[in-house]
C-alpha atoms as a PDB file:
ATOM      1  CA  UNK A   1      84.577  41.906 -81.841  1.00  0.00           C
ATOM      2  CA  UNK A   2      82.422  44.785 -80.618  1.00  0.00           C
ATOM      3  CA  UNK A   3      78.891  44.683 -82.032  1.00  0.00           C
ATOM      4  CA  UNK A   4      77.586  47.999 -80.661  1.00  0.00           C
ATOM      5  CA  UNK A   5      79.031  51.387 -79.788  1.00  0.00           C
ATOM      6  CA  UNK A   6      77.987  53.338 -76.706  1.00  0.00           C
ATOM      7  CA  UNK A   7      79.905  56.579 -76.305  1.00  0.00           C
ATOM      8  CA  UNK A   8      78.336  58.039 -73.166  1.00  0.00           C
ATOM      9  CA  UNK A   9      77.000  56.338 -70.030  1.00  0.00           C
ATOM     10  CA  UNK A  10      73.795  58.446 -70.300  1.00  0.00           C
ATOM     11  CA  UNK A  11      72.930  56.908 -73.701  1.00  0.00           C
ATOM     12  CA  UNK A  12      69.806  54.744 -73.941  1.00  0.00           C
ATOM     13  CA  UNK A  13      70.661  53.584 -77.455  1.00  0.00           C
ATOM     14  CA  UNK A  14      73.751  52.153 -79.128  1.00  0.00           C
ATOM     15  CA  UNK A  15      74.992  52.250 -82.721  1.00  0.00           C
ATOM     16  CA  UNK A  16      75.247  48.807 -84.332  1.00  0.00           C
ATOM     17  CA  UNK A  17      78.717  48.095 -85.714  1.00  0.00           C
ATOM     18  CA  UNK A  18      77.491  44.985 -87.570  1.00  0.00           C
ATOM     19  CA  UNK A  19      74.221  43.708 -88.978  1.00  0.00           C
ATOM     20  CA  UNK A  20      72.243  42.122 -86.117  1.00  0.00           C
ATOM     21  CA  UNK A  21      69.612  39.419 -86.546  1.00  0.00           C
ATOM     22  CA  UNK A  22      66.553  38.760 -84.416  1.00  0.00           C
ATOM     23  CA  UNK A  23      67.602  36.570 -81.489  1.00  0.00           C
ATOM     24  CA  UNK A  24      71.271  37.562 -81.541  1.00  0.00           C
ATOM     25  CA  UNK A  25      72.682  38.200 -78.075  1.00  0.00           C
ATOM     26  CA  UNK A  26      75.082  41.107 -77.595  1.00  0.00           C
ATOM     27  CA  UNK A  27      77.316  40.632 -74.547  1.00  0.00           C
ATOM     28  CA  UNK A  28      79.726  43.489 -74.273  1.00  0.00           C
ATOM     29  CA  UNK A  29      81.178  45.506 -71.430  1.00  0.00           C
ATOM     30  CA  UNK A  30      78.483  45.390 -68.724  1.00  0.00           C
ATOM     31  CA  UNK A  31      75.474  44.873 -71.014  1.00  0.00           C
ATOM     32  CA  UNK A  32      73.604  41.865 -72.364  1.00  0.00           C
ATOM     33  CA  UNK A  33      70.977  42.580 -75.007  1.00  0.00           C
ATOM     34  CA  UNK A  34      68.814  40.131 -76.932  1.00  0.00           C
ATOM     35  CA  UNK A  35      68.052  41.610 -80.347  1.00  0.00           C
ATOM     36  CA  UNK A  36      64.273  41.847 -80.941  1.00  0.00           C
ATOM     37  CA  UNK A  37      64.338  42.425 -84.710  1.00  0.00           C
ATOM     38  CA  UNK A  38      66.757  42.704 -87.623  1.00  0.00           C
ATOM     39  CA  UNK A  39      68.940  45.815 -87.314  1.00  0.00           C
ATOM     40  CA  UNK A  40      71.316  46.932 -90.085  1.00  0.00           C
ATOM     41  CA  UNK A  41      74.850  48.112 -89.366  1.00  0.00           C
ATOM     42  CA  UNK A  42      74.867  51.833 -88.584  1.00  0.00           C
ATOM     43  CA  UNK A  43      71.341  51.817 -87.177  1.00  0.00           C
ATOM     44  CA  UNK A  44      70.519  52.039 -83.474  1.00  0.00           C
ATOM     45  CA  UNK A  45      69.379  49.553 -80.833  1.00  0.00           C
ATOM     46  CA  UNK A  46      67.693  50.351 -77.503  1.00  0.00           C
ATOM     47  CA  UNK A  47      69.890  49.587 -74.494  1.00  0.00           C
ATOM     48  CA  UNK A  48      67.196  50.581 -71.985  1.00  0.00           C
ATOM     49  CA  UNK A  49      63.407  50.580 -71.837  1.00  0.00           C
ATOM     50  CA  UNK A  50      62.152  53.807 -73.446  1.00  0.00           C
ATOM     51  CA  UNK A  51      58.605  54.985 -72.781  1.00  0.00           C
ATOM     52  CA  UNK A  52      56.516  56.961 -75.266  1.00  0.00           C
ATOM     53  CA  UNK A  53      57.704  60.611 -75.256  1.00  0.00           C
ATOM     54  CA  UNK A  54      60.959  59.754 -73.423  1.00  0.00           C
ATOM     55  CA  UNK A  55      64.091  61.305 -74.868  1.00  0.00           C
ATOM     56  CA  UNK A  56      66.365  59.320 -77.152  1.00  0.00           C
ATOM     57  CA  UNK A  57      69.893  59.881 -75.845  1.00  0.00           C
ATOM     58  CA  UNK A  58      72.891  59.377 -78.161  1.00  0.00           C
ATOM     59  CA  UNK A  59      76.422  60.580 -77.394  1.00  0.00           C
ATOM     60  CA  UNK A  60      75.021  61.971 -74.127  1.00  0.00           C
ATOM     61  CA  UNK A  61      72.653  64.345 -75.934  1.00  0.00           C
ATOM     62  CA  UNK A  62      68.936  64.169 -76.603  1.00  0.00           C
ATOM     63  CA  UNK A  63      68.404  63.637 -80.339  1.00  0.00           C
ATOM     64  CA  UNK A  64      64.651  63.076 -80.337  1.00  0.00           C
ATOM     65  CA  UNK A  65      61.834  61.322 -78.528  1.00  0.00           C
ATOM     66  CA  UNK A  66      59.988  58.028 -78.745  1.00  0.00           C
ATOM     67  CA  UNK A  67      56.604  58.080 -80.490  1.00  0.00           C
ATOM     68  CA  UNK A  68      55.810  54.637 -79.033  1.00  0.00           C
ATOM     69  CA  UNK A  69      57.310  52.474 -76.279  1.00  0.00           C
ATOM     70  CA  UNK A  70      60.655  50.886 -77.257  1.00  0.00           C
ATOM     71  CA  UNK A  71      61.880  47.698 -75.558  1.00  0.00           C
ATOM     72  CA  UNK A  72      65.511  46.825 -74.855  1.00  0.00           C
ATOM     73  CA  UNK A  73      66.907  45.201 -77.991  1.00  0.00           C
ATOM     74  CA  UNK A  74      64.501  46.882 -80.417  1.00  0.00           C
ATOM     75  CA  UNK A  75      65.497  48.712 -83.568  1.00  0.00           C
ATOM     76  CA  UNK A  76      65.420  52.484 -82.954  1.00  0.00           C
ATOM     77  CA  UNK A  77      64.690  54.313 -86.196  1.00  0.00           C
ATOM     78  CA  UNK A  78      62.189  56.577 -87.958  1.00  0.00           C
ATOM     79  CA  UNK A  79      59.287  54.186 -87.265  1.00  0.00           C
ATOM     80  CA  UNK A  80      59.441  54.750 -83.476  1.00  0.00           C
ATOM     81  CA  UNK A  81      61.235  58.066 -82.891  1.00  0.00           C
ATOM     82  CA  UNK A  82      60.897  61.653 -83.990  1.00  0.00           C
ATOM     83  CA  UNK A  83      63.989  63.832 -84.175  1.00  0.00           C
ATOM     84  CA  UNK A  84      63.824  67.031 -82.155  1.00  0.00           C
ATOM     85  CA  UNK A  85      65.168  69.094 -85.051  1.00  0.00           C
ATOM     86  CA  UNK A  86      62.283  67.952 -87.243  1.00  0.00           C
ATOM     87  CA  UNK A  87      59.550  68.079 -84.624  1.00  0.00           C
ATOM     88  CA  UNK A  88      57.084  70.892 -84.235  1.00  0.00           C
ATOM     89  CA  UNK A  89      55.485  69.028 -81.310  1.00  0.00           C
ATOM     90  CA  UNK A  90      55.910  70.236 -77.773  1.00  0.00           C
ATOM     91  CA  UNK A  91      57.034  67.295 -75.655  1.00  0.00           C
END
């Protein structure tokens, strides 16, 4: 069963298709990710290291930027990203 969904090879995040627990290992296609913290189904997980201010890429498009560094396997959500549509910051 697929646990994450990556729709574009440029993506640096994936959508979780199931609830993931800290320590779970996702082995799918050509990726292996150890989950760093609990991530609910429908939320996103980092599939690459993302530095502060780097773009968050989903479906091949930038949807926002990181407000702090995000490690592979970390939950990607409102606590560590800012959506470009909501941001008045110049990045």
